[in-house]
Amino acid sequence: MPDTGYAVTAVLVAAAVTWALRALPFAALAPLRASGTVQYLSTRMPAGVMVILVVYCLHDVEVTQARALAPLAALAVTVWLHVRWRNALLSILGGTLAHVTLASTLFGA
């Protein structure tokens, strides 16, 4: 078993490296916060990411099959909840609940 000094030193070195690795992105991005491009991306990227996720999730759905109604209905529920209450957590939970319920009961294979 290593001595106490060695163990304490190892823990301190690991803590310092962990802290430095977590602080590095914030220090590197601090000069960019005033950039117009970064501010533009910070306002536009959330919607862009959501569009990419929706396209990715629905690209294999064949709309001619009845099973396609579950994800499409869940998408409609998610959009409706978000437009109505503007609460991301409620939208995600409601859409997930709608999809799981529809896929496992009405449109289950």
PDB file of N, CA and C in Angstrom:
ATOM      1  N   MET A   1       0.845  -1.176   0.000  1.00  0.00           N
ATOM      2  CA  MET A   1       0.000   0.000   0.000  1.00  0.00           C
ATOM      3  C   MET A   1       0.888   1.237   0.000  1.00  0.00           C
ATOM      4  N   PRO A   2       0.585   2.208  -0.896  1.00  0.00           N
ATOM      5  CA  PRO A   2       1.415   3.411  -0.944  1.00  0.00           C
ATOM      6  C   PRO A   2       1.260   4.221   0.343  1.00  0.00           C
ATOM      7  N   ASP A   3       2.296   5.008   0.605  1.00  0.00           N
ATOM      8  CA  ASP A   3       2.205   5.820   1.815  1.00  0.00           C
ATOM      9  C   ASP A   3       1.214   6.975   1.643  1.00  0.00           C
ATOM     10  N   THR A   4       0.866   7.598   2.761  1.00  0.00           N
ATOM     11  CA  THR A   4      -0.177   8.630   2.766  1.00  0.00           C
ATOM     12  C   THR A   4       0.224   9.843   1.936  1.00  0.00           C
ATOM     13  N   GLY A   5       1.480  10.236   1.993  1.00  0.00           N
ATOM     14  CA  GLY A   5       1.936  11.393   1.225  1.00  0.00           C
ATOM     15  C   GLY A   5       1.787  11.175  -0.269  1.00  0.00           C
ATOM     16  N   TYR A   6       2.116   9.962  -0.719  1.00  0.00           N
ATOM     17  CA  TYR A   6       1.977   9.637  -2.138  1.00  0.00           C
ATOM     18  C   TYR A   6       0.508   9.683  -2.563  1.00  0.00           C
ATOM     19  N   ALA A   7      -0.384   9.130  -1.752  1.00  0.00           N
ATOM     20  CA  ALA A   7      -1.811   9.108  -2.082  1.00  0.00           C
ATOM     21  C   ALA A   7      -2.386  10.524  -2.114  1.00  0.00           C
ATOM     22  N   VAL A   8      -2.015  11.347  -1.135  1.00  0.00           N
ATOM     23  CA  VAL A   8      -2.519  12.727  -1.099  1.00  0.00           C
ATOM     24  C   VAL A   8      -2.015  13.504  -2.313  1.00  0.00           C
ATOM     25  N   THR A   9      -0.737  13.310  -2.653  1.00  0.00           N
ATOM     26  CA  THR A   9      -0.181  13.985  -3.824  1.00  0.00           C
ATOM     27  C   THR A   9      -0.895  13.536  -5.096  1.00  0.00           C
ATOM     28  N   ALA A  10      -1.164  12.260  -5.221  1.00  0.00           N
ATOM     29  CA  ALA A  10      -1.860  11.748  -6.410  1.00  0.00           C
ATOM     30  C   ALA A  10      -3.260  12.339  -6.524  1.00  0.00           C
ATOM     31  N   VAL A  11      -3.962  12.431  -5.405  1.00  0.00           N
ATOM     32  CA  VAL A  11      -5.313  13.011  -5.424  1.00  0.00           C
ATOM     33  C   VAL A  11      -5.247  14.494  -5.780  1.00  0.00           C
ATOM     34  N   LEU A  12      -4.288  15.218  -5.229  1.00  0.00           N
ATOM     35  CA  LEU A  12      -4.161  16.648  -5.535  1.00  0.00           C
ATOM     36  C   LEU A  12      -3.808  16.883  -7.007  1.00  0.00           C
ATOM     37  N   VAL A  13      -2.918  16.064  -7.543  1.00  0.00           N
ATOM     38  CA  VAL A  13      -2.558  16.203  -8.960  1.00  0.00           C
ATOM     39  C   VAL A  13      -3.769  15.885  -9.838  1.00  0.00           C
ATOM     40  N   ALA A  14      -4.506  14.833  -9.503  1.00  0.00           N
ATOM     41  CA  ALA A  14      -5.691  14.485 -10.289  1.00  0.00           C
ATOM     42  C   ALA A  14      -6.741  15.588 -10.211  1.00  0.00           C
ATOM     43  N   ALA A  15      -6.912  16.172  -9.034  1.00  0.00           N
ATOM     44  CA  ALA A  15      -7.880  17.258  -8.877  1.00  0.00           C
ATOM     45  C   ALA A  15      -7.451  18.489  -9.671  1.00  0.00           C
ATOM     46  N   ALA A  16      -6.165  18.803  -9.649  1.00  0.00           N
ATOM     47  CA  ALA A  16      -5.673  19.963 -10.393  1.00  0.00           C
ATOM     48  C   ALA A  16      -5.836  19.761 -11.899  1.00  0.00           C
ATOM     49  N   VAL A  17      -5.529  18.580 -12.386  1.00  0.00           N
ATOM     50  CA  VAL A  17      -5.676  18.306 -13.820  1.00  0.00           C
ATOM     51  C   VAL A  17      -7.149  18.355 -14.214  1.00  0.00           C
ATOM     52  N   THR A  18      -8.009  17.796 -13.394  1.00  0.00           N
ATOM     53  CA  THR A  18      -9.447  17.820 -13.691  1.00  0.00           C
ATOM     54  C   THR A  18      -9.970  19.247 -13.723  1.00  0.00           C
ATOM     55  N   TRP A  19      -9.576  20.060 -12.727  1.00  0.00           N
ATOM     56  CA  TRP A  19     -10.022  21.445 -12.690  1.00  0.00           C
ATOM     57  C   TRP A  19      -9.516  22.210 -13.908  1.00  0.00           C
ATOM     58  N   ALA A  20      -8.265  22.000 -14.279  1.00  0.00           N
ATOM     59  CA  ALA A  20      -7.688  22.702 -15.431  1.00  0.00           C
ATOM     60  C   ALA A  20      -8.391  22.306 -16.725  1.00  0.00           C
ATOM     61  N   LEU A  21      -8.694  21.028 -16.871  1.00  0.00           N
ATOM     62  CA  LEU A  21      -9.374  20.585 -18.098  1.00  0.00           C
ATOM     63  C   LEU A  21     -10.793  21.137 -18.183  1.00  0.00           C
ATOM     64  N   ARG A  22     -11.434  21.317 -17.062  1.00  0.00           N
ATOM     65  CA  ARG A  22     -12.799  21.881 -17.081  1.00  0.00           C
ATOM     66  C   ARG A  22     -12.776  23.401 -17.267  1.00  0.00           C
ATOM     67  N   ALA A  23     -11.754  24.062 -16.790  1.00  0.00           N
ATOM     68  CA  ALA A  23     -11.666  25.516 -16.916  1.00  0.00           C
ATOM     69  C   ALA A  23     -11.129  25.949 -18.271  1.00  0.00           C
ATOM     70  N   LEU A  24     -10.398  25.085 -18.937  1.00  0.00           N
ATOM     71  CA  LEU A  24      -9.754  25.448 -20.202  1.00  0.00           C
ATOM     72  C   LEU A  24     -10.739  25.932 -21.265  1.00  0.00           C
ATOM     73  N   PRO A  25     -11.859  25.258 -21.524  1.00  0.00           N
ATOM     74  CA  PRO A  25     -12.783  25.774 -22.551  1.00  0.00           C
ATOM     75  C   PRO A  25     -13.326  27.156 -22.226  1.00  0.00           C
ATOM     76  N   PHE A  26     -13.606  27.433 -20.970  1.00  0.00           N
ATOM     77  CA  PHE A  26     -14.122  28.757 -20.600  1.00  0.00           C
ATOM     78  C   PHE A  26     -13.059  29.825 -20.812  1.00  0.00           C
ATOM     79  N   ALA A  27     -11.820  29.511 -20.473  1.00  0.00           N
ATOM     80  CA  ALA A  27     -10.740  30.486 -20.665  1.00  0.00           C
ATOM     81  C   ALA A  27     -10.464  30.698 -22.150  1.00  0.00           C
ATOM     82  N   ALA A  28     -10.553  29.639 -22.936  1.00  0.00           N
ATOM     83  CA  ALA A  28     -10.274  29.767 -24.367  1.00  0.00           C
ATOM     84  C   ALA A  28     -11.382  30.517 -25.091  1.00  0.00           C
ATOM     85  N   LEU A  29     -12.616  30.384 -24.630  1.00  0.00           N
ATOM     86  CA  LEU A  29     -13.740  31.020 -25.313  1.00  0.00           C
ATOM     87  C   LEU A  29     -14.048  32.425 -24.801  1.00  0.00           C
ATOM     88  N   ALA A  30     -13.441  32.850 -23.714  1.00  0.00           N
ATOM     89  CA  ALA A  30     -13.732  34.173 -23.151  1.00  0.00           C
ATOM     90  C   ALA A  30     -13.501  35.301 -24.152  1.00  0.00           C
ATOM     91  N   PRO A  31     -12.401  35.294 -24.919  1.00  0.00           N
ATOM     92  CA  PRO A  31     -12.217  36.396 -25.881  1.00  0.00           C
ATOM     93  C   PRO A  31     -13.244  36.372 -27.018  1.00  0.00           C
ATOM     94  N   LEU A  32     -13.861  35.235 -27.274  1.00  0.00           N
ATOM     95  CA  LEU A  32     -14.805  35.128 -28.387  1.00  0.00           C
ATOM     96  C   LEU A  32     -16.214  35.591 -28.016  1.00  0.00           C
ATOM     97  N   ARG A  33     -16.486  35.819 -26.744  1.00  0.00           N
ATOM     98  CA  ARG A  33     -17.855  36.172 -26.333  1.00  0.00           C
ATOM     99  C   ARG A  33     -18.324  37.488 -26.933  1.00  0.00           C
ATOM    100  N   ALA A  34     -17.414  38.381 -27.235  1.00  0.00           N
ATOM    101  CA  ALA A  34     -17.804  39.667 -27.830  1.00  0.00           C
ATOM    102  C   ALA A  34     -17.944  39.582 -29.345  1.00  0.00           C
ATOM    103  N   SER A  35     -17.595  38.437 -29.911  1.00  0.00           N
ATOM    104  CA  SER A  35     -17.648  38.272 -31.361  1.00  0.00           C
ATOM    105  C   SER A  35     -19.093  38.261 -31.859  1.00  0.00           C
ATOM    106  N   GLY A  36     -19.355  38.944 -32.933  1.00  0.00           N
ATOM    107  CA  GLY A  36     -20.684  38.970 -33.524  1.00  0.00           C
ATOM    108  C   GLY A  36     -21.101  37.616 -34.057  1.00  0.00           C
ATOM    109  N   THR A  37     -20.150  36.868 -34.598  1.00  0.00           N
ATOM    110  CA  THR A  37     -20.455  35.540 -35.133  1.00  0.00           C
ATOM    111  C   THR A  37     -20.893  34.601 -34.022  1.00  0.00           C
ATOM    112  N   VAL A  38     -20.193  34.634 -32.903  1.00  0.00           N
ATOM    113  CA  VAL A  38     -20.542  33.757 -31.782  1.00  0.00           C
ATOM    114  C   VAL A  38     -21.910  34.140 -31.208  1.00  0.00           C
ATOM    115  N   GLN A  39     -22.178  35.437 -31.134  1.00  0.00           N
ATOM    116  CA  GLN A  39     -23.493  35.856 -30.634  1.00  0.00           C
ATOM    117  C   GLN A  39     -24.604  35.448 -31.593  1.00  0.00           C
ATOM    118  N   TYR A  40     -24.360  35.546 -32.894  1.00  0.00           N
ATOM    119  CA  TYR A  40     -25.348  35.115 -33.884  1.00  0.00           C
ATOM    120  C   TYR A  40     -25.603  33.613 -33.761  1.00  0.00           C
ATOM    121  N   LEU A  41     -24.520  32.835 -33.661  1.00  0.00           N
ATOM    122  CA  LEU A  41     -24.673  31.386 -33.536  1.00  0.00           C
ATOM    123  C   LEU A  41     -25.379  30.997 -32.244  1.00  0.00           C
ATOM    124  N   SER A  42     -25.144  31.747 -31.169  1.00  0.00           N
ATOM    125  CA  SER A  42     -25.788  31.399 -29.902  1.00  0.00           C
ATOM    126  C   SER A  42     -27.298  31.613 -29.960  1.00  0.00           C
ATOM    127  N   THR A  43     -27.754  32.499 -30.825  1.00  0.00           N
ATOM    128  CA  THR A  43     -29.202  32.707 -30.941  1.00  0.00           C
ATOM    129  C   THR A  43     -29.838  31.785 -31.961  1.00  0.00           C
ATOM    130  N   ARG A  44     -29.081  31.351 -32.979  1.00  0.00           N
ATOM    131  CA  ARG A  44     -29.653  30.544 -34.058  1.00  0.00           C
ATOM    132  C   ARG A  44     -29.429  29.047 -33.895  1.00  0.00           C
ATOM    133  N   MET A  45     -28.405  28.639 -33.196  1.00  0.00           N
ATOM    134  CA  MET A  45     -28.069  27.221 -33.128  1.00  0.00           C
ATOM    135  C   MET A  45     -29.090  26.360 -32.406  1.00  0.00           C
ATOM    136  N   PRO A  46     -29.717  26.803 -31.321  1.00  0.00           N
ATOM    137  CA  PRO A  46     -30.693  25.909 -30.684  1.00  0.00           C
ATOM    138  C   PRO A  46     -31.801  25.484 -31.636  1.00  0.00           C
ATOM    139  N   ALA A  47     -32.350  26.395 -32.407  1.00  0.00           N
ATOM    140  CA  ALA A  47     -33.396  26.013 -33.364  1.00  0.00           C
ATOM    141  C   ALA A  47     -32.812  25.122 -34.451  1.00  0.00           C
ATOM    142  N   GLY A  48     -31.614  25.413 -34.916  1.00  0.00           N
ATOM    143  CA  GLY A  48     -30.977  24.586 -35.938  1.00  0.00           C
ATOM    144  C   GLY A  48     -30.718  23.177 -35.447  1.00  0.00           C
ATOM    145  N   VAL A  49     -30.277  23.049 -34.234  1.00  0.00           N
ATOM    146  CA  VAL A  49     -30.028  21.725 -33.663  1.00  0.00           C
ATOM    147  C   VAL A  49     -31.339  20.944 -33.546  1.00  0.00           C
ATOM    148  N   MET A  50     -32.408  21.622 -33.137  1.00  0.00           N
ATOM    149  CA  MET A  50     -33.699  20.939 -33.025  1.00  0.00           C
ATOM    150  C   MET A  50     -34.193  20.468 -34.394  1.00  0.00           C
ATOM    151  N   VAL A  51     -34.016  21.272 -35.418  1.00  0.00           N
ATOM    152  CA  VAL A  51     -34.420  20.872 -36.770  1.00  0.00           C
ATOM    153  C   VAL A  51     -33.610  19.655 -37.228  1.00  0.00           C
ATOM    154  N   ILE A  52     -32.326  19.662 -36.962  1.00  0.00           N
ATOM    155  CA  ILE A  52     -31.476  18.521 -37.342  1.00  0.00           C
ATOM    156  C   ILE A  52     -31.932  17.259 -36.610  1.00  0.00           C
ATOM    157  N   LEU A  53     -32.254  17.375 -35.317  1.00  0.00           N
ATOM    158  CA  LEU A  53     -32.712  16.208 -34.555  1.00  0.00           C
ATOM    159  C   LEU A  53     -34.047  15.680 -35.079  1.00  0.00           C
ATOM    160  N   VAL A  54     -34.956  16.559 -35.427  1.00  0.00           N
ATOM    161  CA  VAL A  54     -36.256  16.121 -35.954  1.00  0.00           C
ATOM    162  C   VAL A  54     -36.064  15.417 -37.289  1.00  0.00           C
ATOM    163  N   VAL A  55     -35.248  15.985 -38.159  1.00  0.00           N
ATOM    164  CA  VAL A  55     -35.000  15.351 -39.460  1.00  0.00           C
ATOM    165  C   VAL A  55     -34.329  13.998 -39.258  1.00  0.00           C
ATOM    166  N   TYR A  56     -33.362  13.932 -38.362  1.00  0.00           N
ATOM    167  CA  TYR A  56     -32.684  12.662 -38.105  1.00  0.00           C
ATOM    168  C   TYR A  56     -33.658  11.611 -37.571  1.00  0.00           C
ATOM    169  N   CYS A  57     -34.547  12.004 -36.680  1.00  0.00           N
ATOM    170  CA  CYS A  57     -35.472  11.043 -36.072  1.00  0.00           C
ATOM    171  C   CYS A  57     -36.552  10.586 -37.058  1.00  0.00           C
ATOM    172  N   LEU A  58     -36.910  11.434 -37.999  1.00  0.00           N
ATOM    173  CA  LEU A  58     -38.020  11.098 -38.888  1.00  0.00           C
ATOM    174  C   LEU A  58     -37.578  10.667 -40.276  1.00  0.00           C
ATOM    175  N   HIS A  59     -36.281  10.599 -40.562  1.00  0.00           N
ATOM    176  CA  HIS A  59     -35.869  10.305 -41.930  1.00  0.00           C
ATOM    177  C   HIS A  59     -36.158   8.869 -42.342  1.00  0.00           C
ATOM    178  N   ASP A  60     -36.272   7.942 -41.432  1.00  0.00           N
ATOM    179  CA  ASP A  60     -36.577   6.556 -41.782  1.00  0.00           C
ATOM    180  C   ASP A  60     -38.059   6.218 -41.665  1.00  0.00           C
ATOM    181  N   VAL A  61     -38.867   7.159 -41.261  1.00  0.00           N
ATOM    182  CA  VAL A  61     -40.291   6.899 -41.076  1.00  0.00           C
ATOM    183  C   VAL A  61     -40.986   6.890 -42.440  1.00  0.00           C
ATOM    184  N   GLU A  62     -41.664   5.783 -42.722  1.00  0.00           N
ATOM    185  CA  GLU A  62     -42.417   5.703 -43.975  1.00  0.00           C
ATOM    186  C   GLU A  62     -43.839   6.165 -43.678  1.00  0.00           C
ATOM    187  N   VAL A  63     -44.205   7.275 -44.250  1.00  0.00           N
ATOM    188  CA  VAL A  63     -45.490   7.884 -43.923  1.00  0.00           C
ATOM    189  C   VAL A  63     -46.668   7.100 -44.475  1.00  0.00           C
ATOM    190  N   THR A  64     -46.427   6.100 -45.329  1.00  0.00           N
ATOM    191  CA  THR A  64     -47.523   5.303 -45.871  1.00  0.00           C
ATOM    192  C   THR A  64     -47.962   4.216 -44.901  1.00  0.00           C
ATOM    193  N   GLN A  65     -47.176   3.948 -43.868  1.00  0.00           N
ATOM    194  CA  GLN A  65     -47.518   2.913 -42.901  1.00  0.00           C
ATOM    195  C   GLN A  65     -48.205   3.528 -41.690  1.00  0.00           C
ATOM    196  N   ALA A  66     -49.072   2.749 -41.081  1.00  0.00           N
ATOM    197  CA  ALA A  66     -49.800   3.229 -39.898  1.00  0.00           C
ATOM    198  C   ALA A  66     -48.864   3.488 -38.725  1.00  0.00           C
ATOM    199  N   ARG A  67     -47.742   2.748 -38.671  1.00  0.00           N
ATOM    200  CA  ARG A  67     -46.790   2.929 -37.569  1.00  0.00           C
ATOM    201  C   ARG A  67     -46.173   4.325 -37.563  1.00  0.00           C
ATOM    202  N   ALA A  68     -46.221   5.000 -38.686  1.00  0.00           N
ATOM    203  CA  ALA A  68     -45.642   6.344 -38.768  1.00  0.00           C
ATOM    204  C   ALA A  68     -46.464   7.363 -37.999  1.00  0.00           C
ATOM    205  N   LEU A  69     -47.688   7.008 -37.660  1.00  0.00           N
ATOM    206  CA  LEU A  69     -48.539   7.968 -36.954  1.00  0.00           C
ATOM    207  C   LEU A  69     -48.046   8.226 -35.525  1.00  0.00           C
ATOM    208  N   ALA A  70     -47.425   7.233 -34.913  1.00  0.00           N
ATOM    209  CA  ALA A  70     -46.950   7.419 -33.529  1.00  0.00           C
ATOM    210  C   ALA A  70     -45.896   8.526 -33.438  1.00  0.00           C
ATOM    211  N   PRO A  71     -44.799   8.480 -34.207  1.00  0.00           N
ATOM    212  CA  PRO A  71     -43.820   9.569 -34.084  1.00  0.00           C
ATOM    213  C   PRO A  71     -44.355  10.900 -34.598  1.00  0.00           C
ATOM    214  N   LEU A  72     -45.191  10.865 -35.627  1.00  0.00           N
ATOM    215  CA  LEU A  72     -45.740  12.127 -36.131  1.00  0.00           C
ATOM    216  C   LEU A  72     -46.700  12.752 -35.122  1.00  0.00           C
ATOM    217  N   ALA A  73     -47.522  11.926 -34.480  1.00  0.00           N
ATOM    218  CA  ALA A  73     -48.421  12.442 -33.449  1.00  0.00           C
ATOM    219  C   ALA A  73     -47.625  12.945 -32.240  1.00  0.00           C
ATOM    220  N   ALA A  74     -46.562  12.223 -31.877  1.00  0.00           N
ATOM    221  CA  ALA A  74     -45.713  12.670 -30.762  1.00  0.00           C
ATOM    222  C   ALA A  74     -45.033  13.986 -31.102  1.00  0.00           C
ATOM    223  N   LEU A  75     -44.618  14.144 -32.352  1.00  0.00           N
ATOM    224  CA  LEU A  75     -44.023  15.412 -32.773  1.00  0.00           C
ATOM    225  C   LEU A  75     -45.043  16.537 -32.664  1.00  0.00           C
ATOM    226  N   ALA A  76     -46.272  16.264 -33.088  1.00  0.00           N
ATOM    227  CA  ALA A  76     -47.321  17.281 -32.993  1.00  0.00           C
ATOM    228  C   ALA A  76     -47.601  17.646 -31.536  1.00  0.00           C
ATOM    229  N   VAL A  77     -47.635  16.647 -30.665  1.00  0.00           N
ATOM    230  CA  VAL A  77     -47.851  16.910 -29.240  1.00  0.00           C
ATOM    231  C   VAL A  77     -46.710  17.755 -28.673  1.00  0.00           C
ATOM    232  N   THR A  78     -45.484  17.413 -29.047  1.00  0.00           N
ATOM    233  CA  THR A  78     -44.316  18.156 -28.561  1.00  0.00           C
ATOM    234  C   THR A  78     -44.371  19.612 -29.010  1.00  0.00           C
ATOM    235  N   VAL A  79     -44.654  19.831 -30.275  1.00  0.00           N
ATOM    236  CA  VAL A  79     -44.725  21.202 -30.798  1.00  0.00           C
ATOM    237  C   VAL A  79     -45.859  21.960 -30.118  1.00  0.00           C
ATOM    238  N   TRP A  80     -47.018  21.319 -29.985  1.00  0.00           N
ATOM    239  CA  TRP A  80     -48.158  21.992 -29.343  1.00  0.00           C
ATOM    240  C   TRP A  80     -47.836  22.372 -27.904  1.00  0.00           C
ATOM    241  N   LEU A  81     -47.240  21.446 -27.152  1.00  0.00           N
ATOM    242  CA  LEU A  81     -46.894  21.748 -25.761  1.00  0.00           C
ATOM    243  C   LEU A  81     -45.895  22.889 -25.673  1.00  0.00           C
ATOM    244  N   HIS A  82     -44.929  22.895 -26.592  1.00  0.00           N
ATOM    245  CA  HIS A  82     -43.921  23.948 -26.517  1.00  0.00           C
ATOM    246  C   HIS A  82     -44.499  25.304 -26.926  1.00  0.00           C
ATOM    247  N   VAL A  83     -45.349  25.314 -27.931  1.00  0.00           N
ATOM    248  CA  VAL A  83     -45.965  26.579 -28.337  1.00  0.00           C
ATOM    249  C   VAL A  83     -46.894  27.085 -27.247  1.00  0.00           C
ATOM    250  N   ARG A  84     -47.593  26.192 -26.608  1.00  0.00           N
ATOM    251  CA  ARG A  84     -48.581  26.568 -25.589  1.00  0.00           C
ATOM    252  C   ARG A  84     -47.935  27.067 -24.308  1.00  0.00           C
ATOM    253  N   TRP A  85     -46.936  26.327 -23.784  1.00  0.00           N
ATOM    254  CA  TRP A  85     -46.373  26.661 -22.475  1.00  0.00           C
ATOM    255  C   TRP A  85     -44.920  27.126 -22.500  1.00  0.00           C
ATOM    256  N   ARG A  86     -44.214  26.985 -23.601  1.00  0.00           N
ATOM    257  CA  ARG A  86     -42.812  27.434 -23.702  1.00  0.00           C
ATOM    258  C   ARG A  86     -41.943  26.842 -22.593  1.00  0.00           C
ATOM    259  N   ASN A  87     -42.151  25.578 -22.318  1.00  0.00           N
ATOM    260  CA  ASN A  87     -41.393  24.879 -21.283  1.00  0.00           C
ATOM    261  C   ASN A  87     -40.758  23.655 -21.938  1.00  0.00           C
ATOM    262  N   ALA A  88     -39.424  23.667 -22.088  1.00  0.00           N
ATOM    263  CA  ALA A  88     -38.732  22.593 -22.795  1.00  0.00           C
ATOM    264  C   ALA A  88     -38.914  21.247 -22.091  1.00  0.00           C
ATOM    265  N   LEU A  89     -38.830  21.238 -20.782  1.00  0.00           N
ATOM    266  CA  LEU A  89     -38.968  19.982 -20.047  1.00  0.00           C
ATOM    267  C   LEU A  89     -40.359  19.385 -20.243  1.00  0.00           C
ATOM    268  N   LEU A  90     -41.379  20.220 -20.160  1.00  0.00           N
ATOM    269  CA  LEU A  90     -42.742  19.748 -20.372  1.00  0.00           C
ATOM    270  C   LEU A  90     -42.917  19.228 -21.797  1.00  0.00           C
ATOM    271  N   SER A  91     -42.358  19.915 -22.772  1.00  0.00           N
ATOM    272  CA  SER A  91     -42.466  19.493 -24.164  1.00  0.00           C
ATOM    273  C   SER A  91     -41.795  18.146 -24.388  1.00  0.00           C
ATOM    274  N   ILE A  92     -40.596  17.987 -23.855  1.00  0.00           N
ATOM    275  CA  ILE A  92     -39.855  16.737 -24.038  1.00  0.00           C
ATOM    276  C   ILE A  92     -40.580  15.586 -23.350  1.00  0.00           C
ATOM    277  N   LEU A  93     -40.997  15.805 -22.103  1.00  0.00           N
ATOM    278  CA  LEU A  93     -41.686  14.732 -21.376  1.00  0.00           C
ATOM    279  C   LEU A  93     -43.028  14.392 -22.019  1.00  0.00           C
ATOM    280  N   GLY A  94     -43.785  15.406 -22.425  1.00  0.00           N
ATOM    281  CA  GLY A  94     -45.078  15.152 -23.062  1.00  0.00           C
ATOM    282  C   GLY A  94     -44.936  14.435 -24.383  1.00  0.00           C
ATOM    283  N   GLY A  95     -43.982  14.845 -25.208  1.00  0.00           N
ATOM    284  CA  GLY A  95     -43.756  14.175 -26.491  1.00  0.00           C
ATOM    285  C   GLY A  95     -43.276  12.746 -26.319  1.00  0.00           C
ATOM    286  N   THR A  96     -42.384  12.540 -25.368  1.00  0.00           N
ATOM    287  CA  THR A  96     -41.901  11.183 -25.105  1.00  0.00           C
ATOM    288  C   THR A  96     -43.021  10.295 -24.598  1.00  0.00           C
ATOM    289  N   LEU A  97     -43.808  10.811 -23.682  1.00  0.00           N
ATOM    290  CA  LEU A  97     -44.940  10.040 -23.149  1.00  0.00           C
ATOM    291  C   LEU A  97     -45.940   9.716 -24.257  1.00  0.00           C
ATOM    292  N   ALA A  98     -46.222  10.673 -25.121  1.00  0.00           N
ATOM    293  CA  ALA A  98     -47.149  10.418 -26.226  1.00  0.00           C
ATOM    294  C   ALA A  98     -46.602   9.359 -27.168  1.00  0.00           C
ATOM    295  N   HIS A  99     -45.318   9.437 -27.490  1.00  0.00           N
ATOM    296  CA  HIS A  99     -44.725   8.455 -28.402  1.00  0.00           C
ATOM    297  C   HIS A  99     -44.720   7.062 -27.797  1.00  0.00           C
ATOM    298  N   VAL A 100     -44.291   6.948 -26.568  1.00  0.00           N
ATOM    299  CA  VAL A 100     -44.230   5.634 -25.918  1.00  0.00           C
ATOM    300  C   VAL A 100     -45.624   5.036 -25.797  1.00  0.00           C
ATOM    301  N   THR A 101     -46.587   5.850 -25.411  1.00  0.00           N
ATOM    302  CA  THR A 101     -47.954   5.356 -25.260  1.00  0.00           C
ATOM    303  C   THR A 101     -48.528   4.899 -26.604  1.00  0.00           C
ATOM    304  N   LEU A 102     -48.379   5.722 -27.632  1.00  0.00           N
ATOM    305  CA  LEU A 102     -48.932   5.363 -28.941  1.00  0.00           C
ATOM    306  C   LEU A 102     -48.199   4.177 -29.563  1.00  0.00           C
ATOM    307  N   ALA A 103     -46.866   4.176 -29.466  1.00  0.00           N
ATOM    308  CA  ALA A 103     -46.087   3.102 -30.080  1.00  0.00           C
ATOM    309  C   ALA A 103     -46.305   1.766 -29.388  1.00  0.00           C
ATOM    310  N   SER A 104     -46.598   1.770 -28.097  1.00  0.00           N
ATOM    311  CA  SER A 104     -46.749   0.503 -27.385  1.00  0.00           C
ATOM    312  C   SER A 104     -48.194   0.032 -27.305  1.00  0.00           C
ATOM    313  N   THR A 105     -49.147   0.887 -27.624  1.00  0.00           N
ATOM    314  CA  THR A 105     -50.549   0.457 -27.533  1.00  0.00           C
ATOM    315  C   THR A 105     -51.228   0.449 -28.903  1.00  0.00           C
ATOM    316  N   LEU A 106     -51.523   1.594 -29.455  1.00  0.00           N
ATOM    317  CA  LEU A 106     -52.284   1.662 -30.695  1.00  0.00           C
ATOM    318  C   LEU A 106     -51.505   1.182 -31.915  1.00  0.00           C
ATOM    319  N   PHE A 107     -50.224   1.549 -31.994  1.00  0.00           N
ATOM    320  CA  PHE A 107     -49.449   1.242 -33.183  1.00  0.00           C
ATOM    321  C   PHE A 107     -48.365   0.207 -32.908  1.00  0.00           C
ATOM    322  N   GLY A 108     -48.469  -0.527 -31.816  1.00  0.00           N
ATOM    323  CA  GLY A 108     -47.489  -1.545 -31.494  1.00  0.00           C
ATOM    324  C   GLY A 108     -47.557  -2.710 -32.451  1.00  0.00           C
ATOM    325  N   ALA A 109     -46.409  -3.261 -32.774  1.00  0.00           N
ATOM    326  CA  ALA A 109     -46.375  -4.364 -33.740  1.00  0.00           C
ATOM    327  C   ALA A 109     -46.377  -5.701 -33.047  1.00  0.00           C
TER     328      ALA A 109
END
